[in-house]
PDB file of N, CA and C in Angstrom:
ATOM      1  N   MET A   1     -12.348 -10.505  -0.712  1.00  0.00           N
ATOM      2  CA  MET A   1     -11.058 -11.021  -1.954  1.00  0.00           C
ATOM      3  C   MET A   1     -11.171  -9.698  -1.465  1.00  0.00           C
ATOM      4  N   LEU A   2     -11.551  -8.341  -0.339  1.00  0.00           N
ATOM      5  CA  LEU A   2     -10.258  -7.444   0.018  1.00  0.00           C
ATOM      6  C   LEU A   2      -9.811  -8.080   1.073  1.00  0.00           C
ATOM      7  N   THR A   3      -9.892  -8.461   1.816  1.00  0.00           N
ATOM      8  CA  THR A   3      -9.778  -9.263   2.896  1.00  0.00           C
ATOM      9  C   THR A   3      -7.566  -9.546   1.821  1.00  0.00           C
ATOM     10  N   GLU A   4      -7.754 -10.383   1.287  1.00  0.00           N
ATOM     11  CA  GLU A   4      -6.992 -10.958   0.511  1.00  0.00           C
ATOM     12  C   GLU A   4      -5.895  -9.953  -0.519  1.00  0.00           C
ATOM     13  N   TYR A   5      -6.541  -9.492  -1.005  1.00  0.00           N
ATOM     14  CA  TYR A   5      -5.728  -8.080  -1.201  1.00  0.00           C
ATOM     15  C   TYR A   5      -5.238  -6.597  -0.181  1.00  0.00           C
ATOM     16  N   ILE A   6      -5.203  -6.744   0.474  1.00  0.00           N
ATOM     17  CA  ILE A   6      -5.144  -6.465   1.880  1.00  0.00           C
ATOM     18  C   ILE A   6      -4.035  -7.205   2.172  1.00  0.00           C
ATOM     19  N   GLU A   7      -4.022  -8.750   1.932  1.00  0.00           N
ATOM     20  CA  GLU A   7      -2.838  -9.770   2.436  1.00  0.00           C
ATOM     21  C   GLU A   7      -1.825  -9.351   1.437  1.00  0.00           C
ATOM     22  N   LYS A   8      -2.089  -9.518   0.559  1.00  0.00           N
ATOM     23  CA  LYS A   8      -1.054  -9.468  -0.715  1.00  0.00           C
ATOM     24  C   LYS A   8      -0.350  -8.482  -0.286  1.00  0.00           C
ATOM     25  N   ALA A   9      -0.712  -7.504  -0.409  1.00  0.00           N
ATOM     26  CA  ALA A   9      -0.640  -5.422  -0.677  1.00  0.00           C
ATOM     27  C   ALA A   9       0.749  -6.194   1.169  1.00  0.00           C
ATOM     28  N   MET A  10       0.188  -6.291   2.056  1.00  0.00           N
ATOM     29  CA  MET A  10       1.043  -5.989   3.486  1.00  0.00           C
ATOM     30  C   MET A  10       2.037  -7.384   3.309  1.00  0.00           C
ATOM     31  N   ALA A  11       2.458  -8.543   2.521  1.00  0.00           N
ATOM     32  CA  ALA A  11       3.271  -9.629   1.623  1.00  0.00           C
ATOM     33  C   ALA A  11       4.298  -9.046   1.388  1.00  0.00           C
ATOM     34  N   VAL A  12       3.781  -7.877   0.523  1.00  0.00           N
ATOM     35  CA  VAL A  12       5.138  -6.937  -0.421  1.00  0.00           C
ATOM     36  C   VAL A  12       5.512  -5.652   0.030  1.00  0.00           C
ATOM     37  N   ALA A  13       5.192  -5.419   1.541  1.00  0.00           N
ATOM     38  CA  ALA A  13       5.221  -4.196   2.107  1.00  0.00           C
ATOM     39  C   ALA A  13       6.598  -4.156   2.262  1.00  0.00           C
ATOM     40  N   VAL A  14       7.266  -2.867   1.863  1.00  0.00           N
ATOM     41  CA  VAL A  14       9.169  -2.707   2.545  1.00  0.00           C
ATOM     42  C   VAL A  14       9.027  -2.375   3.850  1.00  0.00           C
ATOM     43  N   VAL A  15      10.049  -2.425   4.586  1.00  0.00           N
ATOM     44  CA  VAL A  15      10.288  -1.247   6.132  1.00  0.00           C
ATOM     45  C   VAL A  15      11.692  -1.287   6.015  1.00  0.00           C
ATOM     46  N   GLU A  16      12.157   0.079   5.927  1.00  0.00           N
ATOM     47  CA  GLU A  16      12.924   0.051   5.968  1.00  0.00           C
ATOM     48  C   GLU A  16      13.326   1.333   7.415  1.00  0.00           C
ATOM     49  N   ARG A  17      15.165   0.993   8.112  1.00  0.00           N
ATOM     50  CA  ARG A  17      15.120   2.961   8.679  1.00  0.00           C
ATOM     51  C   ARG A  17      15.640   3.171   8.251  1.00  0.00           C
ATOM     52  N   THR A  18      15.685   4.056   9.449  1.00  0.00           N
ATOM     53  CA  THR A  18      15.943   5.260   8.961  1.00  0.00           C
ATOM     54  C   THR A  18      16.861   6.211   9.760  1.00  0.00           C
ATOM     55  N   GLU A  19      18.011   7.305   9.599  1.00  0.00           N
ATOM     56  CA  GLU A  19      19.482   7.529   9.501  1.00  0.00           C
ATOM     57  C   GLU A  19      19.340   7.580  11.206  1.00  0.00           C
ATOM     58  N   GLU A  20      17.296   8.452  11.827  1.00  0.00           N
ATOM     59  CA  GLU A  20      17.360   8.571  13.233  1.00  0.00           C
ATOM     60  C   GLU A  20      16.550   7.154  14.476  1.00  0.00           C
ATOM     61  N   GLY A  21      16.735   6.255  12.883  1.00  0.00           N
ATOM     62  CA  GLY A  21      16.917   4.903  14.159  1.00  0.00           C
ATOM     63  C   GLY A  21      14.893   4.282  13.797  1.00  0.00           C
ATOM     64  N   GLN A  22      14.159   4.832  13.719  1.00  0.00           N
ATOM     65  CA  GLN A  22      12.634   4.946  13.394  1.00  0.00           C
ATOM     66  C   GLN A  22      13.083   4.088  11.992  1.00  0.00           C
ATOM     67  N   TYR A  23      11.322   2.986  11.739  1.00  0.00           N
ATOM     68  CA  TYR A  23      11.299   2.411  10.960  1.00  0.00           C
ATOM     69  C   TYR A  23       9.969   2.987  10.054  1.00  0.00           C
ATOM     70  N   VAL A  24      10.424   3.193   8.381  1.00  0.00           N
ATOM     71  CA  VAL A  24       9.325   3.632   7.769  1.00  0.00           C
ATOM     72  C   VAL A  24       8.433   2.236   6.867  1.00  0.00           C
ATOM     73  N   ALA A  25       7.225   1.981   7.118  1.00  0.00           N
ATOM     74  CA  ALA A  25       6.404   1.234   6.064  1.00  0.00           C
ATOM     75  C   ALA A  25       6.361   1.425   4.607  1.00  0.00           C
ATOM     76  N   SER A  26       6.462   0.546   3.873  1.00  0.00           N
ATOM     77  CA  SER A  26       5.658   1.363   2.227  1.00  0.00           C
ATOM     78  C   SER A  26       5.431  -0.253   1.835  1.00  0.00           C
ATOM     79  N   ILE A  27       3.942   0.673   0.829  1.00  0.00           N
ATOM     80  CA  ILE A  27       4.437  -0.924  -0.004  1.00  0.00           C
ATOM     81  C   ILE A  27       4.833  -0.659  -0.987  1.00  0.00           C
ATOM     82  N   PRO A  28       5.364  -1.688  -1.896  1.00  0.00           N
ATOM     83  CA  PRO A  28       5.503  -1.030  -3.946  1.00  0.00           C
ATOM     84  C   PRO A  28       4.327  -0.884  -4.686  1.00  0.00           C
ATOM     85  N   GLY A  29       4.957   0.384  -5.577  1.00  0.00           N
ATOM     86  CA  GLY A  29       3.815   0.681  -6.313  1.00  0.00           C
ATOM     87  C   GLY A  29       2.138   1.158  -6.306  1.00  0.00           C
ATOM     88  N   ILE A  30       2.602   1.444  -4.560  1.00  0.00           N
ATOM     89  CA  ILE A  30       1.274   2.793  -4.063  1.00  0.00           C
ATOM     90  C   ILE A  30       1.599   2.979  -4.037  1.00  0.00           C
ATOM     91  N   GLN A  31       1.684   4.451  -3.946  1.00  0.00           N
ATOM     92  CA  GLN A  31       1.548   6.091  -3.900  1.00  0.00           C
ATOM     93  C   GLN A  31       0.701   6.590  -2.749  1.00  0.00           C
ATOM     94  N   GLY A  32       1.335   6.785  -2.005  1.00  0.00           N
ATOM     95  CA  GLY A  32       0.598   7.636  -0.653  1.00  0.00           C
ATOM     96  C   GLY A  32       0.499   6.735   0.807  1.00  0.00           C
ATOM     97  N   PRO A  33       0.102   5.779   1.193  1.00  0.00           N
ATOM     98  CA  PRO A  33      -0.439   5.290   2.571  1.00  0.00           C
ATOM     99  C   PRO A  33       1.158   4.441   2.797  1.00  0.00           C
ATOM    100  N   TRP A  34       1.958   5.290   3.617  1.00  0.00           N
ATOM    101  CA  TRP A  34       2.581   4.362   4.621  1.00  0.00           C
ATOM    102  C   TRP A  34       3.282   4.336   6.165  1.00  0.00           C
ATOM    103  N   GLY A  35       3.608   3.927   6.911  1.00  0.00           N
ATOM    104  CA  GLY A  35       3.443   3.560   8.658  1.00  0.00           C
ATOM    105  C   GLY A  35       4.512   4.220   8.984  1.00  0.00           C
ATOM    106  N   HIS A  36       4.282   3.797  10.158  1.00  0.00           N
ATOM    107  CA  HIS A  36       5.875   4.085  10.836  1.00  0.00           C
ATOM    108  C   HIS A  36       6.140   3.578  12.354  1.00  0.00           C
ATOM    109  N   GLY A  37       7.024   3.643  13.228  1.00  0.00           N
ATOM    110  CA  GLY A  37       7.041   3.121  14.339  1.00  0.00           C
ATOM    111  C   GLY A  37       8.319   3.025  14.646  1.00  0.00           C
ATOM    112  N   LYS A  38       8.560   3.263  16.392  1.00  0.00           N
ATOM    113  CA  LYS A  38       9.923   2.593  17.097  1.00  0.00           C
ATOM    114  C   LYS A  38      10.629   1.290  16.865  1.00  0.00           C
ATOM    115  N   THR A  39       9.773   0.869  15.369  1.00  0.00           N
ATOM    116  CA  THR A  39       9.528  -1.267  15.123  1.00  0.00           C
ATOM    117  C   THR A  39       9.190  -1.670  14.208  1.00  0.00           C
ATOM    118  N   ARG A  40      10.014  -2.182  13.377  1.00  0.00           N
ATOM    119  CA  ARG A  40       9.680  -2.930  12.325  1.00  0.00           C
ATOM    120  C   ARG A  40       8.211  -3.363  12.990  1.00  0.00           C
ATOM    121  N   LYS A  41       7.553  -4.077  13.781  1.00  0.00           N
ATOM    122  CA  LYS A  41       6.467  -3.912  13.814  1.00  0.00           C
ATOM    123  C   LYS A  41       5.433  -3.065  14.026  1.00  0.00           C
ATOM    124  N   GLU A  42       6.127  -2.112  14.750  1.00  0.00           N
ATOM    125  CA  GLU A  42       4.932  -0.612  14.715  1.00  0.00           C
ATOM    126  C   GLU A  42       4.878  -0.183  13.472  1.00  0.00           C
ATOM    127  N   ALA A  43       5.483  -0.319  12.945  1.00  0.00           N
ATOM    128  CA  ALA A  43       5.322   0.294  10.901  1.00  0.00           C
ATOM    129  C   ALA A  43       4.254   0.000  10.367  1.00  0.00           C
ATOM    130  N   LYS A  44       4.767  -1.737  10.134  1.00  0.00           N
ATOM    131  CA  LYS A  44       4.105  -1.751   9.051  1.00  0.00           C
ATOM    132  C   LYS A  44       2.215  -2.279   9.944  1.00  0.00           C
ATOM    133  N   ALA A  45       2.136  -2.453  11.445  1.00  0.00           N
ATOM    134  CA  ALA A  45       1.473  -2.340  12.176  1.00  0.00           C
ATOM    135  C   ALA A  45       0.465  -0.870  12.096  1.00  0.00           C
ATOM    136  N   GLU A  46       0.298  -0.422  11.202  1.00  0.00           N
ATOM    137  CA  GLU A  46       0.535   1.762  11.065  1.00  0.00           C
ATOM    138  C   GLU A  46       0.039   1.819   9.966  1.00  0.00           C
ATOM    139  N   LEU A  47       1.318   1.252   8.758  1.00  0.00           N
ATOM    140  CA  LEU A  47       0.576   1.286   7.417  1.00  0.00           C
ATOM    141  C   LEU A  47      -0.973   0.425   7.676  1.00  0.00           C
ATOM    142  N   ARG A  48      -0.900  -0.983   8.156  1.00  0.00           N
ATOM    143  CA  ARG A  48      -2.003  -1.869   7.690  1.00  0.00           C
ATOM    144  C   ARG A  48      -2.801  -1.226   7.693  1.00  0.00           C
ATOM    145  N   SER A  49      -3.286  -0.643   9.119  1.00  0.00           N
ATOM    146  CA  SER A  49      -4.312   0.081   9.338  1.00  0.00           C
ATOM    147  C   SER A  49      -4.214   1.542   8.217  1.00  0.00           C
ATOM    148  N   VAL A  50      -3.067   2.187   7.892  1.00  0.00           N
ATOM    149  CA  VAL A  50      -3.599   3.266   6.865  1.00  0.00           C
ATOM    150  C   VAL A  50      -4.223   2.775   6.007  1.00  0.00           C
ATOM    151  N   PHE A  51      -2.904   1.790   5.266  1.00  0.00           N
ATOM    152  CA  PHE A  51      -4.149   1.250   3.581  1.00  0.00           C
ATOM    153  C   PHE A  51      -5.101   0.655   4.114  1.00  0.00           C
ATOM    154  N   GLU A  52      -5.747   0.194   4.394  1.00  0.00           N
ATOM    155  CA  GLU A  52      -6.661   0.118   4.749  1.00  0.00           C
ATOM    156  C   GLU A  52      -7.651   0.834   4.300  1.00  0.00           C
ATOM    157  N   GLU A  53      -7.720   1.993   5.311  1.00  0.00           N
ATOM    158  CA  GLU A  53      -8.143   3.175   5.697  1.00  0.00           C
ATOM    159  C   GLU A  53      -8.268   4.355   4.037  1.00  0.00           C
ATOM    160  N   TRP A  54      -6.932   4.282   3.288  1.00  0.00           N
ATOM    161  CA  TRP A  54      -6.493   4.604   1.770  1.00  0.00           C
ATOM    162  C   TRP A  54      -7.543   3.794   0.540  1.00  0.00           C
ATOM    163  N   LEU A  55      -7.170   2.745   1.179  1.00  0.00           N
ATOM    164  CA  LEU A  55      -7.865   1.740   0.249  1.00  0.00           C
ATOM    165  C   LEU A  55      -9.679   1.868   0.381  1.00  0.00           C
ATOM    166  N   VAL A  56     -10.040   2.449   1.256  1.00  0.00           N
ATOM    167  CA  VAL A  56     -12.177   2.419   0.914  1.00  0.00           C
ATOM    168  C   VAL A  56     -11.703   3.646   0.376  1.00  0.00           C
ATOM    169  N   LEU A  57     -11.008   4.517   0.378  1.00  0.00           N
ATOM    170  CA  LEU A  57     -11.344   6.218   0.224  1.00  0.00           C
ATOM    171  C   LEU A  57     -11.201   5.511  -1.863  1.00  0.00           C
ATOM    172  N   ALA A  58     -10.618   5.170  -2.184  1.00  0.00           N
ATOM    173  CA  ALA A  58      -9.453   4.862  -3.150  1.00  0.00           C
ATOM    174  C   ALA A  58     -11.176   4.052  -4.165  1.00  0.00           C
ATOM    175  N   LEU A  59     -11.648   2.814  -3.626  1.00  0.00           N
ATOM    176  CA  LEU A  59     -12.548   2.213  -3.472  1.00  0.00           C
ATOM    177  C   LEU A  59     -14.088   2.679  -3.730  1.00  0.00           C
ATOM    178  N   ARG A  60     -14.206   4.158  -2.971  1.00  0.00           N
ATOM    179  CA  ARG A  60     -14.834   5.130  -3.197  1.00  0.00           C
ATOM    180  C   ARG A  60     -15.240   5.860  -4.098  1.00  0.00           C
ATOM    181  N   ASP A  61     -13.910   5.929  -4.602  1.00  0.00           N
ATOM    182  CA  ASP A  61     -13.894   7.377  -5.909  1.00  0.00           C
ATOM    183  C   ASP A  61     -13.573   6.488  -6.706  1.00  0.00           C
ATOM    184  N   ASP A  62     -13.691   5.321  -7.121  1.00  0.00           N
ATOM    185  CA  ASP A  62     -13.544   4.035  -7.825  1.00  0.00           C
ATOM    186  C   ASP A  62     -12.292   4.575  -8.830  1.00  0.00           C
ATOM    187  N   GLU A  63     -11.165   4.768  -8.121  1.00  0.00           N
ATOM    188  CA  GLU A  63      -9.748   4.301  -8.215  1.00  0.00           C
ATOM    189  C   GLU A  63      -9.457   3.387  -9.051  1.00  0.00           C
ATOM    190  N   ALA A  64      -8.025   3.098 -10.014  1.00  0.00           N
ATOM    191  CA  ALA A  64      -7.852   1.963 -10.495  1.00  0.00           C
ATOM    192  C   ALA A  64      -6.866   1.565  -9.415  1.00  0.00           C
ATOM    193  N   LEU A  65      -6.627   0.647  -8.925  1.00  0.00           N
ATOM    194  CA  LEU A  65      -5.953  -0.014  -8.004  1.00  0.00           C
ATOM    195  C   LEU A  65      -4.474  -1.121  -8.983  1.00  0.00           C
ATOM    196  N   PRO A  66      -3.592  -1.091  -9.072  1.00  0.00           N
ATOM    197  CA  PRO A  66      -2.443  -2.356  -8.935  1.00  0.00           C
ATOM    198  C   PRO A  66      -2.930  -3.551  -8.096  1.00  0.00           C
ATOM    199  N   GLU A  67      -3.540  -4.458  -9.419  1.00  0.00           N
ATOM    200  CA  GLU A  67      -2.998  -5.892  -8.764  1.00  0.00           C
ATOM    201  C   GLU A  67      -2.042  -6.520  -8.191  1.00  0.00           C
ATOM    202  N   MET A  68      -2.621  -7.175  -7.241  1.00  0.00           N
ATOM    203  CA  MET A  68      -1.725  -7.500  -5.899  1.00  0.00           C
ATOM    204  C   MET A  68      -1.163  -8.857  -5.884  1.00  0.00           C
ATOM    205  N   GLU A  69      -0.284  -9.736  -6.228  1.00  0.00           N
ATOM    206  CA  GLU A  69       0.082 -10.946  -6.577  1.00  0.00           C
ATOM    207  C   GLU A  69      -1.425 -11.789  -7.200  1.00  0.00           C
ATOM    208  N   GLY A  70      -1.825 -11.599  -8.545  1.00  0.00           N
ATOM    209  CA  GLY A  70      -2.574 -12.281  -8.841  1.00  0.00           C
ATOM    210  C   GLY A  70      -4.721 -11.526  -7.956  1.00  0.00           C
ATOM    211  N   VAL A  71      -4.621 -10.422  -7.064  1.00  0.00           N
ATOM    212  CA  VAL A  71      -5.822  -9.866  -7.201  1.00  0.00           C
ATOM    213  C   VAL A  71      -6.001  -8.873  -7.756  1.00  0.00           C
ATOM    214  N   SER A  72      -6.901  -8.459  -7.879  1.00  0.00           N
ATOM    215  CA  SER A  72      -7.465  -7.449  -8.207  1.00  0.00           C
ATOM    216  C   SER A  72      -8.406  -6.886  -7.880  1.00  0.00           C
ATOM    217  N   LEU A  73      -8.816  -5.423  -8.017  1.00  0.00           N
ATOM    218  CA  LEU A  73     -10.140  -4.850  -6.946  1.00  0.00           C
ATOM    219  C   LEU A  73     -10.109  -3.800  -7.732  1.00  0.00           C
ATOM    220  N   ASN A  74     -10.184  -3.697  -9.456  1.00  0.00           N
ATOM    221  CA  ASN A  74     -10.940  -3.516 -10.168  1.00  0.00           C
ATOM    222  C   ASN A  74     -11.895  -4.061 -11.264  1.00  0.00           C
ATOM    223  N   PHE A  75     -12.718  -2.870 -10.602  1.00  0.00           N
ATOM    224  CA  PHE A  75     -14.198  -3.310 -11.872  1.00  0.00           C
ATOM    225  C   PHE A  75     -14.630  -2.381 -12.960  1.00  0.00           C
ATOM    226  N   GLY A  76     -16.044  -2.804 -13.627  1.00  0.00           N
ATOM    227  CA  GLY A  76     -16.371  -2.235 -14.578  1.00  0.00           C
ATOM    228  C   GLY A  76     -15.473  -1.050 -15.723  1.00  0.00           C
ATOM    229  N   GLY A  77     -14.432  -1.771 -16.218  1.00  0.00           N
ATOM    230  CA  GLY A  77     -13.527  -1.577 -17.229  1.00  0.00           C
ATOM    231  C   GLY A  77     -11.794  -0.539 -16.656  1.00  0.00           C
ATOM    232  N   LYS A  78     -12.026  -0.108 -15.705  1.00  0.00           N
ATOM    233  CA  LYS A  78     -10.951   0.671 -15.081  1.00  0.00           C
ATOM    234  C   LYS A  78      -8.840  -0.568 -14.779  1.00  0.00           C
ATOM    235  N   GLN A  79      -8.825   0.443 -15.645  1.00  0.00           N
ATOM    236  CA  GLN A  79      -7.197   0.135 -15.943  1.00  0.00           C
ATOM    237  C   GLN A  79      -6.122   0.512 -14.937  1.00  0.00           C
ATOM    238  N   TRP A  80      -4.729  -0.241 -14.197  1.00  0.00           N
ATOM    239  CA  TRP A  80      -3.908   0.676 -13.353  1.00  0.00           C
ATOM    240  C   TRP A  80      -3.630   0.935 -14.574  1.00  0.00           C
ATOM    241  N   GLN A  81      -2.504   1.904 -14.269  1.00  0.00           N
ATOM    242  CA  GLN A  81      -0.717   2.365 -14.715  1.00  0.00           C
ATOM    243  C   GLN A  81      -0.180   2.379 -13.837  1.00  0.00           C
ATOM    244  N   LYS A  82       0.937   1.562 -14.241  1.00  0.00           N
ATOM    245  CA  LYS A  82       2.212   1.891 -13.195  1.00  0.00           C
ATOM    246  C   LYS A  82       2.994   3.628 -13.485  1.00  0.00           C
ATOM    247  N   GLN A  83       2.490   4.095 -11.844  1.00  0.00           N
ATOM    248  CA  GLN A  83       3.069   5.260 -11.801  1.00  0.00           C
ATOM    249  C   GLN A  83       4.366   5.808 -12.505  1.00  0.00           C
ATOM    250  N   PRO A  84       5.281   6.756 -13.576  1.00  0.00           N
ATOM    251  CA  PRO A  84       6.381   6.517 -13.221  1.00  0.00           C
ATOM    252  C   PRO A  84       6.950   7.201 -11.809  1.00  0.00           C
ATOM    253  N   ALA A  85       8.348   6.491 -11.675  1.00  0.00           N
ATOM    254  CA  ALA A  85       9.103   7.037 -10.045  1.00  0.00           C
ATOM    255  C   ALA A  85       9.475   8.929  -9.883  1.00  0.00           C
ATOM    256  N   VAL A  86       9.455   9.564  -9.031  1.00  0.00           N
ATOM    257  CA  VAL A  86       9.152  10.272  -9.487  1.00  0.00           C
ATOM    258  C   VAL A  86      10.703  11.178  -9.115  1.00  0.00           C
ATOM    259  N   GLY A  87      11.218  12.108 -10.145  1.00  0.00           N
ATOM    260  CA  GLY A  87      11.690  12.399 -10.286  1.00  0.00           C
ATOM    261  C   GLY A  87      12.578  11.883 -11.639  1.00  0.00           C
ATOM    262  N   MET A  88      11.989  10.914 -12.135  1.00  0.00           N
ATOM    263  CA  MET A  88      11.939  10.634 -13.874  1.00  0.00           C
ATOM    264  C   MET A  88      10.847  11.325 -15.029  1.00  0.00           C
TER     265      MET A  88
END
């Protein structure tokens, strides 16, 4: 289930090019983990690595996590609530 959750999250990852020509990757709805690199592939690879570590800590701390394409890692009744966008 954990691998499926990671795969679903990476499938919705967004990669954007910066003004400096670098790439930054993030997962919509999840604040914290991001990756950067000289190419889209590098940015997504770094994001995956950082996301996996972030996810382990979130699970350890029993944080509520968003559902990813029908896959939920929330156990014990924790509910995830969408966080408001910054500046709203």
